[in-house]
């Protein structure tokens, strides 16, 4: 019975966790190149991006080509900026686009 209760508690905690939204970069240490994107869920974005890159199906061809040439160990996922949790839902898409554009310019990166 105790494991059933701990499972319920784990599920409750999972549902209550804060989802980070913001801007991230994928960087290649070997070449110094960077790709910048924005997401409503940064954790899921890393997992999804790495899955696509490992399977050779990432939508951004330049990133996929660099991954294929340099290998997974040359890449890192970096959170550049997170947004406040109390933003109005309608403001989020525009703010994410704006922040992504700022970071693309700042890092001279490719937009994801």
PDB file of N, CA and C in Angstrom:
ATOM      1  N   UNK A   1       0.817  -1.195   0.000  1.00  0.00           N
ATOM      2  CA  UNK A   1       0.000   0.000   0.000  1.00  0.00           C
ATOM      3  C   UNK A   1       0.863   1.263   0.000  1.00  0.00           C
ATOM      4  N   UNK A   2       2.009   1.191   0.679  1.00  0.00           N
ATOM      5  CA  UNK A   2       2.879   2.355   0.750  1.00  0.00           C
ATOM      6  C   UNK A   2       3.402   2.736  -0.636  1.00  0.00           C
ATOM      7  N   UNK A   3       3.692   1.769  -1.491  1.00  0.00           N
ATOM      8  CA  UNK A   3       4.201   2.091  -2.820  1.00  0.00           C
ATOM      9  C   UNK A   3       3.113   2.750  -3.675  1.00  0.00           C
ATOM     10  N   UNK A   4       1.863   2.353  -3.464  1.00  0.00           N
ATOM     11  CA  UNK A   4       0.756   2.973  -4.188  1.00  0.00           C
ATOM     12  C   UNK A   4       0.646   4.452  -3.800  1.00  0.00           C
ATOM     13  N   UNK A   5       0.795   4.744  -2.528  1.00  0.00           N
ATOM     14  CA  UNK A   5       0.739   6.130  -2.056  1.00  0.00           C
ATOM     15  C   UNK A   5       1.939   6.926  -2.571  1.00  0.00           C
ATOM     16  N   UNK A   6       3.120   6.314  -2.567  1.00  0.00           N
ATOM     17  CA  UNK A   6       4.293   7.046  -3.049  1.00  0.00           C
ATOM     18  C   UNK A   6       4.186   7.291  -4.559  1.00  0.00           C
ATOM     19  N   UNK A   7       3.566   6.382  -5.283  1.00  0.00           N
ATOM     20  CA  UNK A   7       3.347   6.575  -6.712  1.00  0.00           C
ATOM     21  C   UNK A   7       2.394   7.749  -6.935  1.00  0.00           C
ATOM     22  N   UNK A   8       1.328   7.817  -6.154  1.00  0.00           N
ATOM     23  CA  UNK A   8       0.390   8.930  -6.254  1.00  0.00           C
ATOM     24  C   UNK A   8       1.093  10.255  -5.947  1.00  0.00           C
ATOM     25  N   UNK A   9       1.936  10.230  -4.926  1.00  0.00           N
ATOM     26  CA  UNK A   9       2.683  11.435  -4.549  1.00  0.00           C
ATOM     27  C   UNK A   9       3.628  11.859  -5.672  1.00  0.00           C
ATOM     28  N   UNK A  10       4.290  10.907  -6.290  1.00  0.00           N
ATOM     29  CA  UNK A  10       5.195  11.214  -7.402  1.00  0.00           C
ATOM     30  C   UNK A  10       4.425  11.812  -8.574  1.00  0.00           C
ATOM     31  N   UNK A  11       3.271  11.285  -8.876  1.00  0.00           N
ATOM     32  CA  UNK A  11       2.440  11.816  -9.956  1.00  0.00           C
ATOM     33  C   UNK A  11       1.990  13.230  -9.636  1.00  0.00           C
ATOM     34  N   UNK A  12       1.591  13.462  -8.401  1.00  0.00           N
ATOM     35  CA  UNK A  12       1.153  14.805  -7.984  1.00  0.00           C
ATOM     36  C   UNK A  12       2.298  15.805  -8.135  1.00  0.00           C
ATOM     37  N   UNK A  13       3.488  15.424  -7.686  1.00  0.00           N
ATOM     38  CA  UNK A  13       4.645  16.319  -7.792  1.00  0.00           C
ATOM     39  C   UNK A  13       4.982  16.607  -9.248  1.00  0.00           C
ATOM     40  N   UNK A  14       4.882  15.582 -10.102  1.00  0.00           N
ATOM     41  CA  UNK A  14       5.166  15.768 -11.522  1.00  0.00           C
ATOM     42  C   UNK A  14       4.205  16.780 -12.133  1.00  0.00           C
ATOM     43  N   UNK A  15       2.944  16.687 -11.807  1.00  0.00           N
ATOM     44  CA  UNK A  15       1.941  17.594 -12.355  1.00  0.00           C
ATOM     45  C   UNK A  15       2.101  19.019 -11.839  1.00  0.00           C
ATOM     46  N   UNK A  16       2.668  19.170 -10.647  1.00  0.00           N
ATOM     47  CA  UNK A  16       2.817  20.502 -10.043  1.00  0.00           C
ATOM     48  C   UNK A  16       4.139  21.180 -10.410  1.00  0.00           C
ATOM     49  N   UNK A  17       5.037  20.472 -11.066  1.00  0.00           N
ATOM     50  CA  UNK A  17       6.346  21.055 -11.351  1.00  0.00           C
ATOM     51  C   UNK A  17       6.208  22.250 -12.290  1.00  0.00           C
ATOM     52  N   UNK A  18       7.138  23.149 -12.185  1.00  0.00           N
ATOM     53  CA  UNK A  18       7.141  24.341 -13.023  1.00  0.00           C
ATOM     54  C   UNK A  18       7.817  24.011 -14.345  1.00  0.00           C
ATOM     55  N   UNK A  19       7.178  24.370 -15.437  1.00  0.00           N
ATOM     56  CA  UNK A  19       7.735  24.167 -16.765  1.00  0.00           C
ATOM     57  C   UNK A  19       8.455  25.447 -17.166  1.00  0.00           C
ATOM     58  N   UNK A  20       9.726  25.316 -17.538  1.00  0.00           N
ATOM     59  CA  UNK A  20      10.515  26.476 -17.927  1.00  0.00           C
ATOM     60  C   UNK A  20      10.261  26.821 -19.380  1.00  0.00           C
ATOM     61  N   UNK A  21       9.958  28.093 -19.633  1.00  0.00           N
ATOM     62  CA  UNK A  21       9.845  28.555 -20.990  1.00  0.00           C
ATOM     63  C   UNK A  21      10.889  29.617 -21.217  1.00  0.00           C
ATOM     64  N   UNK A  22      11.450  29.644 -22.409  1.00  0.00           N
ATOM     65  CA  UNK A  22      12.486  30.623 -22.676  1.00  0.00           C
ATOM     66  C   UNK A  22      13.267  30.332 -23.936  1.00  0.00           C
ATOM     67  N   UNK A  23      14.511  30.806 -23.939  1.00  0.00           N
ATOM     68  CA  UNK A  23      15.381  30.741 -25.105  1.00  0.00           C
ATOM     69  C   UNK A  23      16.568  29.843 -24.774  1.00  0.00           C
ATOM     70  N   UNK A  24      16.978  29.045 -25.749  1.00  0.00           N
ATOM     71  CA  UNK A  24      18.082  28.110 -25.556  1.00  0.00           C
ATOM     72  C   UNK A  24      19.031  28.155 -26.750  1.00  0.00           C
ATOM     73  N   UNK A  25      20.222  27.622 -26.551  1.00  0.00           N
ATOM     74  CA  UNK A  25      21.190  27.501 -27.638  1.00  0.00           C
ATOM     75  C   UNK A  25      21.699  26.076 -27.682  1.00  0.00           C
ATOM     76  N   UNK A  26      21.948  25.607 -28.876  1.00  0.00           N
ATOM     77  CA  UNK A  26      22.669  24.360 -29.093  1.00  0.00           C
ATOM     78  C   UNK A  26      24.009  24.802 -29.661  1.00  0.00           C
ATOM     79  N   UNK A  27      25.083  24.432 -28.978  1.00  0.00           N
ATOM     80  CA  UNK A  27      26.419  24.877 -29.374  1.00  0.00           C
ATOM     81  C   UNK A  27      27.303  23.690 -29.730  1.00  0.00           C
ATOM     82  N   UNK A  28      28.145  23.915 -30.726  1.00  0.00           N
ATOM     83  CA  UNK A  28      29.144  22.916 -31.094  1.00  0.00           C
ATOM     84  C   UNK A  28      30.496  23.421 -30.594  1.00  0.00           C
ATOM     85  N   UNK A  29      31.089  22.696 -29.665  1.00  0.00           N
ATOM     86  CA  UNK A  29      32.373  23.104 -29.091  1.00  0.00           C
ATOM     87  C   UNK A  29      33.491  23.003 -30.120  1.00  0.00           C
ATOM     88  N   UNK A  30      33.389  22.070 -31.042  1.00  0.00           N
ATOM     89  CA  UNK A  30      34.451  21.853 -32.023  1.00  0.00           C
ATOM     90  C   UNK A  30      34.567  22.992 -33.031  1.00  0.00           C
ATOM     91  N   UNK A  31      33.444  23.572 -33.420  1.00  0.00           N
ATOM     92  CA  UNK A  31      33.466  24.616 -34.449  1.00  0.00           C
ATOM     93  C   UNK A  31      33.071  25.991 -33.928  1.00  0.00           C
ATOM     94  N   UNK A  32      32.460  26.048 -32.767  1.00  0.00           N
ATOM     95  CA  UNK A  32      32.023  27.322 -32.216  1.00  0.00           C
ATOM     96  C   UNK A  32      30.680  27.800 -32.747  1.00  0.00           C
ATOM     97  N   UNK A  33      30.055  27.041 -33.611  1.00  0.00           N
ATOM     98  CA  UNK A  33      28.760  27.438 -34.156  1.00  0.00           C
ATOM     99  C   UNK A  33      27.675  27.298 -33.097  1.00  0.00           C
ATOM    100  N   UNK A  34      26.614  28.105 -33.275  1.00  0.00           N
ATOM    101  CA  UNK A  34      25.497  28.066 -32.339  1.00  0.00           C
ATOM    102  C   UNK A  34      24.185  28.180 -33.097  1.00  0.00           C
ATOM    103  N   UNK A  35      23.179  27.536 -32.556  1.00  0.00           N
ATOM    104  CA  UNK A  35      21.812  27.594 -33.065  1.00  0.00           C
ATOM    105  C   UNK A  35      20.935  27.989 -31.896  1.00  0.00           C
ATOM    106  N   UNK A  36      20.037  28.946 -32.106  1.00  0.00           N
ATOM    107  CA  UNK A  36      19.210  29.474 -31.022  1.00  0.00           C
ATOM    108  C   UNK A  36      17.741  29.239 -31.335  1.00  0.00           C
ATOM    109  N   UNK A  37      17.021  28.762 -30.326  1.00  0.00           N
ATOM    110  CA  UNK A  37      15.593  28.544 -30.457  1.00  0.00           C
ATOM    111  C   UNK A  37      14.867  29.000 -29.205  1.00  0.00           C
ATOM    112  N   UNK A  38      13.555  28.962 -29.257  1.00  0.00           N
ATOM    113  CA  UNK A  38      12.719  29.333 -28.122  1.00  0.00           C
ATOM    114  C   UNK A  38      11.682  28.239 -27.930  1.00  0.00           C
ATOM    115  N   UNK A  39      11.284  28.029 -26.671  1.00  0.00           N
ATOM    116  CA  UNK A  39      10.349  26.952 -26.386  1.00  0.00           C
ATOM    117  C   UNK A  39       9.499  27.261 -25.171  1.00  0.00           C
ATOM    118  N   UNK A  40       8.303  26.679 -25.155  1.00  0.00           N
ATOM    119  CA  UNK A  40       7.420  26.759 -23.998  1.00  0.00           C
ATOM    120  C   UNK A  40       7.789  25.714 -22.948  1.00  0.00           C
ATOM    121  N   UNK A  41       8.668  24.767 -23.315  1.00  0.00           N
ATOM    122  CA  UNK A  41       9.101  23.725 -22.386  1.00  0.00           C
ATOM    123  C   UNK A  41      10.542  23.366 -22.716  1.00  0.00           C
ATOM    124  N   UNK A  42      11.481  23.985 -22.017  1.00  0.00           N
ATOM    125  CA  UNK A  42      12.898  23.821 -22.341  1.00  0.00           C
ATOM    126  C   UNK A  42      13.398  22.397 -22.112  1.00  0.00           C
ATOM    127  N   UNK A  43      12.903  21.731 -21.081  1.00  0.00           N
ATOM    128  CA  UNK A  43      13.323  20.344 -20.834  1.00  0.00           C
ATOM    129  C   UNK A  43      12.914  19.440 -21.988  1.00  0.00           C
ATOM    130  N   UNK A  44      11.678  19.549 -22.400  1.00  0.00           N
ATOM    131  CA  UNK A  44      11.176  18.726 -23.492  1.00  0.00           C
ATOM    132  C   UNK A  44      11.885  19.073 -24.799  1.00  0.00           C
ATOM    133  N   UNK A  45      12.246  20.323 -24.961  1.00  0.00           N
ATOM    134  CA  UNK A  45      12.935  20.755 -26.180  1.00  0.00           C
ATOM    135  C   UNK A  45      14.286  20.070 -26.324  1.00  0.00           C
ATOM    136  N   UNK A  46      15.036  19.992 -25.237  1.00  0.00           N
ATOM    137  CA  UNK A  46      16.339  19.316 -25.309  1.00  0.00           C
ATOM    138  C   UNK A  46      16.150  17.848 -25.660  1.00  0.00           C
ATOM    139  N   UNK A  47      15.249  17.185 -24.979  1.00  0.00           N
ATOM    140  CA  UNK A  47      15.015  15.766 -25.243  1.00  0.00           C
ATOM    141  C   UNK A  47      14.584  15.544 -26.694  1.00  0.00           C
ATOM    142  N   UNK A  48      13.677  16.374 -27.176  1.00  0.00           N
ATOM    143  CA  UNK A  48      13.201  16.238 -28.546  1.00  0.00           C
ATOM    144  C   UNK A  48      14.279  16.522 -29.580  1.00  0.00           C
ATOM    145  N   UNK A  49      15.060  17.570 -29.330  1.00  0.00           N
ATOM    146  CA  UNK A  49      16.135  17.918 -30.266  1.00  0.00           C
ATOM    147  C   UNK A  49      17.187  16.818 -30.341  1.00  0.00           C
ATOM    148  N   UNK A  50      17.601  16.316 -29.184  1.00  0.00           N
ATOM    149  CA  UNK A  50      18.621  15.261 -29.161  1.00  0.00           C
ATOM    150  C   UNK A  50      18.094  13.982 -29.820  1.00  0.00           C
ATOM    151  N   UNK A  51      16.818  13.674 -29.618  1.00  0.00           N
ATOM    152  CA  UNK A  51      16.226  12.504 -30.267  1.00  0.00           C
ATOM    153  C   UNK A  51      16.276  12.658 -31.786  1.00  0.00           C
ATOM    154  N   UNK A  52      15.856  13.821 -32.286  1.00  0.00           N
ATOM    155  CA  UNK A  52      15.871  14.063 -33.733  1.00  0.00           C
ATOM    156  C   UNK A  52      17.294  14.028 -34.286  1.00  0.00           C
ATOM    157  N   UNK A  53      18.234  14.631 -33.574  1.00  0.00           N
ATOM    158  CA  UNK A  53      19.622  14.641 -34.042  1.00  0.00           C
ATOM    159  C   UNK A  53      20.208  13.232 -34.064  1.00  0.00           C
ATOM    160  N   UNK A  54      19.943  12.458 -33.033  1.00  0.00           N
ATOM    161  CA  UNK A  54      20.458  11.083 -32.990  1.00  0.00           C
ATOM    162  C   UNK A  54      19.883  10.228 -34.107  1.00  0.00           C
ATOM    163  N   UNK A  55      18.636  10.494 -34.468  1.00  0.00           N
ATOM    164  CA  UNK A  55      17.995   9.695 -35.515  1.00  0.00           C
ATOM    165  C   UNK A  55      18.231  10.280 -36.912  1.00  0.00           C
ATOM    166  N   UNK A  56      18.914  11.419 -36.989  1.00  0.00           N
ATOM    167  CA  UNK A  56      19.230  12.018 -38.284  1.00  0.00           C
ATOM    168  C   UNK A  56      18.081  12.741 -38.936  1.00  0.00           C
ATOM    169  N   UNK A  57      17.107  13.174 -38.148  1.00  0.00           N
ATOM    170  CA  UNK A  57      15.903  13.777 -38.735  1.00  0.00           C
ATOM    171  C   UNK A  57      15.617  15.194 -38.253  1.00  0.00           C
ATOM    172  N   UNK A  58      16.632  15.903 -37.759  1.00  0.00           N
ATOM    173  CA  UNK A  58      16.383  17.272 -37.272  1.00  0.00           C
ATOM    174  C   UNK A  58      16.004  18.167 -38.445  1.00  0.00           C
ATOM    175  N   UNK A  59      15.044  19.047 -38.220  1.00  0.00           N
ATOM    176  CA  UNK A  59      14.520  19.900 -39.283  1.00  0.00           C
ATOM    177  C   UNK A  59      15.548  20.932 -39.758  1.00  0.00           C
ATOM    178  N   UNK A  60      16.457  21.352 -38.896  1.00  0.00           N
ATOM    179  CA  UNK A  60      17.489  22.324 -39.274  1.00  0.00           C
ATOM    180  C   UNK A  60      18.678  21.561 -39.852  1.00  0.00           C
ATOM    181  N   UNK A  61      18.818  21.590 -41.167  1.00  0.00           N
ATOM    182  CA  UNK A  61      19.835  20.785 -41.856  1.00  0.00           C
ATOM    183  C   UNK A  61      21.249  21.146 -41.436  1.00  0.00           C
ATOM    184  N   UNK A  62      21.540  22.436 -41.247  1.00  0.00           N
ATOM    185  CA  UNK A  62      22.906  22.823 -40.883  1.00  0.00           C
ATOM    186  C   UNK A  62      23.301  22.238 -39.534  1.00  0.00           C
ATOM    187  N   UNK A  63      22.365  22.192 -38.602  1.00  0.00           N
ATOM    188  CA  UNK A  63      22.633  21.594 -37.296  1.00  0.00           C
ATOM    189  C   UNK A  63      22.821  20.088 -37.437  1.00  0.00           C
ATOM    190  N   UNK A  64      21.966  19.449 -38.203  1.00  0.00           N
ATOM    191  CA  UNK A  64      22.080  18.004 -38.390  1.00  0.00           C
ATOM    192  C   UNK A  64      23.402  17.641 -39.068  1.00  0.00           C
ATOM    193  N   UNK A  65      23.805  18.413 -40.073  1.00  0.00           N
ATOM    194  CA  UNK A  65      25.069  18.143 -40.765  1.00  0.00           C
ATOM    195  C   UNK A  65      26.257  18.305 -39.825  1.00  0.00           C
ATOM    196  N   UNK A  66      26.212  19.330 -38.996  1.00  0.00           N
ATOM    197  CA  UNK A  66      27.301  19.561 -38.027  1.00  0.00           C
ATOM    198  C   UNK A  66      27.341  18.428 -37.001  1.00  0.00           C
ATOM    199  N   UNK A  67      26.178  18.000 -36.537  1.00  0.00           N
ATOM    200  CA  UNK A  67      26.071  16.885 -35.584  1.00  0.00           C
ATOM    201  C   UNK A  67      26.672  15.620 -36.202  1.00  0.00           C
ATOM    202  N   UNK A  68      26.316  15.357 -37.451  1.00  0.00           N
ATOM    203  CA  UNK A  68      26.829  14.157 -38.124  1.00  0.00           C
ATOM    204  C   UNK A  68      28.345  14.222 -38.280  1.00  0.00           C
ATOM    205  N   UNK A  69      28.881  15.399 -38.544  1.00  0.00           N
ATOM    206  CA  UNK A  69      30.319  15.558 -38.757  1.00  0.00           C
ATOM    207  C   UNK A  69      31.114  15.528 -37.449  1.00  0.00           C
ATOM    208  N   UNK A  70      30.583  16.152 -36.394  1.00  0.00           N
ATOM    209  CA  UNK A  70      31.344  16.315 -35.150  1.00  0.00           C
ATOM    210  C   UNK A  70      31.007  15.284 -34.079  1.00  0.00           C
ATOM    211  N   UNK A  71      29.827  14.724 -34.115  1.00  0.00           N
ATOM    212  CA  UNK A  71      29.417  13.754 -33.106  1.00  0.00           C
ATOM    213  C   UNK A  71      28.736  14.408 -31.913  1.00  0.00           C
ATOM    214  N   UNK A  72      27.952  13.612 -31.213  1.00  0.00           N
ATOM    215  CA  UNK A  72      27.145  14.107 -30.100  1.00  0.00           C
ATOM    216  C   UNK A  72      27.981  14.752 -28.992  1.00  0.00           C
ATOM    217  N   UNK A  73      29.148  14.213 -28.725  1.00  0.00           N
ATOM    218  CA  UNK A  73      29.957  14.714 -27.608  1.00  0.00           C
ATOM    219  C   UNK A  73      30.419  16.153 -27.814  1.00  0.00           C
ATOM    220  N   UNK A  74      30.367  16.669 -29.024  1.00  0.00           N
ATOM    221  CA  UNK A  74      30.800  18.040 -29.303  1.00  0.00           C
ATOM    222  C   UNK A  74      29.693  19.065 -29.035  1.00  0.00           C
ATOM    223  N   UNK A  75      28.491  18.609 -28.695  1.00  0.00           N
ATOM    224  CA  UNK A  75      27.354  19.514 -28.568  1.00  0.00           C
ATOM    225  C   UNK A  75      26.879  19.654 -27.130  1.00  0.00           C
ATOM    226  N   UNK A  76      26.364  20.841 -26.853  1.00  0.00           N
ATOM    227  CA  UNK A  76      25.755  21.098 -25.549  1.00  0.00           C
ATOM    228  C   UNK A  76      24.491  21.917 -25.739  1.00  0.00           C
ATOM    229  N   UNK A  77      23.555  21.707 -24.838  1.00  0.00           N
ATOM    230  CA  UNK A  77      22.291  22.442 -24.802  1.00  0.00           C
ATOM    231  C   UNK A  77      22.400  23.430 -23.656  1.00  0.00           C
ATOM    232  N   UNK A  78      22.180  24.693 -23.944  1.00  0.00           N
ATOM    233  CA  UNK A  78      22.343  25.736 -22.926  1.00  0.00           C
ATOM    234  C   UNK A  78      21.092  26.610 -22.861  1.00  0.00           C
ATOM    235  N   UNK A  79      20.556  26.777 -21.660  1.00  0.00           N
ATOM    236  CA  UNK A  79      19.428  27.687 -21.466  1.00  0.00           C
ATOM    237  C   UNK A  79      19.999  29.097 -21.363  1.00  0.00           C
ATOM    238  N   UNK A  80      19.572  29.960 -22.261  1.00  0.00           N
ATOM    239  CA  UNK A  80      20.093  31.332 -22.296  1.00  0.00           C
ATOM    240  C   UNK A  80      19.276  32.284 -21.440  1.00  0.00           C
ATOM    241  N   UNK A  81      17.963  32.096 -21.461  1.00  0.00           N
ATOM    242  CA  UNK A  81      17.077  33.007 -20.726  1.00  0.00           C
ATOM    243  C   UNK A  81      15.739  32.321 -20.487  1.00  0.00           C
ATOM    244  N   UNK A  82      15.227  32.477 -19.292  1.00  0.00           N
ATOM    245  CA  UNK A  82      13.890  31.964 -18.998  1.00  0.00           C
ATOM    246  C   UNK A  82      12.948  33.147 -18.814  1.00  0.00           C
ATOM    247  N   UNK A  83      11.686  32.912 -19.111  1.00  0.00           N
ATOM    248  CA  UNK A  83      10.674  33.960 -18.974  1.00  0.00           C
ATOM    249  C   UNK A  83       9.893  33.756 -17.683  1.00  0.00           C
ATOM    250  N   UNK A  84       9.316  34.823 -17.212  1.00  0.00           N
ATOM    251  CA  UNK A  84       8.534  34.780 -15.977  1.00  0.00           C
ATOM    252  C   UNK A  84       7.330  33.859 -16.142  1.00  0.00           C
ATOM    253  N   UNK A  85       6.938  33.241 -15.065  1.00  0.00           N
ATOM    254  CA  UNK A  85       5.818  32.300 -15.080  1.00  0.00           C
ATOM    255  C   UNK A  85       4.468  33.009 -15.155  1.00  0.00           C
ATOM    256  N   UNK A  86       4.428  34.265 -14.757  1.00  0.00           N
ATOM    257  CA  UNK A  86       3.148  34.963 -14.659  1.00  0.00           C
ATOM    258  C   UNK A  86       2.784  35.763 -15.917  1.00  0.00           C
ATOM    259  N   UNK A  87       3.370  35.427 -17.049  1.00  0.00           N
ATOM    260  CA  UNK A  87       3.049  36.125 -18.287  1.00  0.00           C
ATOM    261  C   UNK A  87       1.658  35.735 -18.774  1.00  0.00           C
ATOM    262  N   UNK A  88       1.008  36.666 -19.426  1.00  0.00           N
ATOM    263  CA  UNK A  88      -0.288  36.369 -20.024  1.00  0.00           C
ATOM    264  C   UNK A  88      -0.047  35.419 -21.198  1.00  0.00           C
ATOM    265  N   UNK A  89      -0.882  34.421 -21.333  1.00  0.00           N
ATOM    266  CA  UNK A  89      -0.698  33.383 -22.354  1.00  0.00           C
ATOM    267  C   UNK A  89      -0.601  33.948 -23.772  1.00  0.00           C
ATOM    268  N   UNK A  90      -1.328  35.011 -24.045  1.00  0.00           N
ATOM    269  CA  UNK A  90      -1.303  35.596 -25.383  1.00  0.00           C
ATOM    270  C   UNK A  90      -0.008  36.356 -25.669  1.00  0.00           C
ATOM    271  N   UNK A  91       0.716  36.761 -24.650  1.00  0.00           N
ATOM    272  CA  UNK A  91       1.960  37.511 -24.833  1.00  0.00           C
ATOM    273  C   UNK A  91       3.157  36.585 -25.062  1.00  0.00           C
ATOM    274  N   UNK A  92       3.030  35.335 -24.696  1.00  0.00           N
ATOM    275  CA  UNK A  92       4.172  34.413 -24.731  1.00  0.00           C
ATOM    276  C   UNK A  92       4.755  34.222 -26.131  1.00  0.00           C
ATOM    277  N   UNK A  93       3.967  33.915 -27.173  1.00  0.00           N
ATOM    278  CA  UNK A  93       4.569  33.679 -28.493  1.00  0.00           C
ATOM    279  C   UNK A  93       5.389  34.854 -29.014  1.00  0.00           C
ATOM    280  N   UNK A  94       4.848  36.058 -28.905  1.00  0.00           N
ATOM    281  CA  UNK A  94       5.571  37.236 -29.389  1.00  0.00           C
ATOM    282  C   UNK A  94       6.833  37.487 -28.581  1.00  0.00           C
ATOM    283  N   UNK A  95       6.755  37.310 -27.275  1.00  0.00           N
ATOM    284  CA  UNK A  95       7.923  37.528 -26.427  1.00  0.00           C
ATOM    285  C   UNK A  95       9.011  36.490 -26.713  1.00  0.00           C
ATOM    286  N   UNK A  96       8.618  35.249 -26.932  1.00  0.00           N
ATOM    287  CA  UNK A  96       9.599  34.220 -27.271  1.00  0.00           C
ATOM    288  C   UNK A  96      10.291  34.540 -28.601  1.00  0.00           C
ATOM    289  N   UNK A  97       9.536  34.990 -29.594  1.00  0.00           N
ATOM    290  CA  UNK A  97      10.128  35.363 -30.891  1.00  0.00           C
ATOM    291  C   UNK A  97      11.100  36.517 -30.738  1.00  0.00           C
ATOM    292  N   UNK A  98      10.702  37.504 -29.932  1.00  0.00           N
ATOM    293  CA  UNK A  98      11.550  38.680 -29.723  1.00  0.00           C
ATOM    294  C   UNK A  98      12.851  38.287 -29.029  1.00  0.00           C
ATOM    295  N   UNK A  99      12.744  37.508 -27.972  1.00  0.00           N
ATOM    296  CA  UNK A  99      13.937  37.096 -27.221  1.00  0.00           C
ATOM    297  C   UNK A  99      14.848  36.217 -28.080  1.00  0.00           C
ATOM    298  N   UNK A 100      14.243  35.337 -28.878  1.00  0.00           N
ATOM    299  CA  UNK A 100      15.047  34.479 -29.760  1.00  0.00           C
ATOM    300  C   UNK A 100      15.825  35.343 -30.750  1.00  0.00           C
ATOM    301  N   UNK A 101      15.164  36.330 -31.345  1.00  0.00           N
ATOM    302  CA  UNK A 101      15.826  37.218 -32.306  1.00  0.00           C
ATOM    303  C   UNK A 101      16.983  37.976 -31.654  1.00  0.00           C
ATOM    304  N   UNK A 102      16.784  38.431 -30.417  1.00  0.00           N
ATOM    305  CA  UNK A 102      17.845  39.142 -29.703  1.00  0.00           C
ATOM    306  C   UNK A 102      19.064  38.241 -29.499  1.00  0.00           C
ATOM    307  N   UNK A 103      18.827  36.989 -29.093  1.00  0.00           N
ATOM    308  CA  UNK A 103      19.932  36.062 -28.848  1.00  0.00           C
ATOM    309  C   UNK A 103      20.601  35.612 -30.140  1.00  0.00           C
ATOM    310  N   UNK A 104      19.839  35.464 -31.206  1.00  0.00           N
ATOM    311  CA  UNK A 104      20.435  35.113 -32.502  1.00  0.00           C
ATOM    312  C   UNK A 104      21.421  36.204 -32.913  1.00  0.00           C
ATOM    313  N   UNK A 105      21.007  37.464 -32.768  1.00  0.00           N
ATOM    314  CA  UNK A 105      21.876  38.585 -33.120  1.00  0.00           C
ATOM    315  C   UNK A 105      23.097  38.664 -32.194  1.00  0.00           C
ATOM    316  N   UNK A 106      22.864  38.478 -30.904  1.00  0.00           N
ATOM    317  CA  UNK A 106      23.925  38.589 -29.906  1.00  0.00           C
ATOM    318  C   UNK A 106      25.007  37.519 -30.117  1.00  0.00           C
ATOM    319  N   UNK A 107      24.591  36.299 -30.460  1.00  0.00           N
ATOM    320  CA  UNK A 107      25.539  35.188 -30.614  1.00  0.00           C
ATOM    321  C   UNK A 107      25.946  34.941 -32.056  1.00  0.00           C
ATOM    322  N   UNK A 108      25.401  35.743 -32.982  1.00  0.00           N
ATOM    323  CA  UNK A 108      25.637  35.513 -34.409  1.00  0.00           C
ATOM    324  C   UNK A 108      25.335  34.050 -34.747  1.00  0.00           C
ATOM    325  N   UNK A 109      24.161  33.625 -34.328  1.00  0.00           N
ATOM    326  CA  UNK A 109      23.750  32.219 -34.415  1.00  0.00           C
ATOM    327  C   UNK A 109      22.725  32.018 -35.516  1.00  0.00           C
ATOM    328  N   UNK A 110      22.438  30.755 -35.769  1.00  0.00           N
ATOM    329  CA  UNK A 110      21.383  30.366 -36.699  1.00  0.00           C
ATOM    330  C   UNK A 110      20.097  30.183 -35.911  1.00  0.00           C
ATOM    331  N   UNK A 111      18.998  30.638 -36.486  1.00  0.00           N
ATOM    332  CA  UNK A 111      17.690  30.549 -35.817  1.00  0.00           C
ATOM    333  C   UNK A 111      17.126  29.136 -35.970  1.00  0.00           C
ATOM    334  N   UNK A 112      16.632  28.600 -34.868  1.00  0.00           N
ATOM    335  CA  UNK A 112      15.928  27.307 -34.902  1.00  0.00           C
ATOM    336  C   UNK A 112      14.435  27.557 -34.888  1.00  0.00           C
TER     337      UNK A 112
END
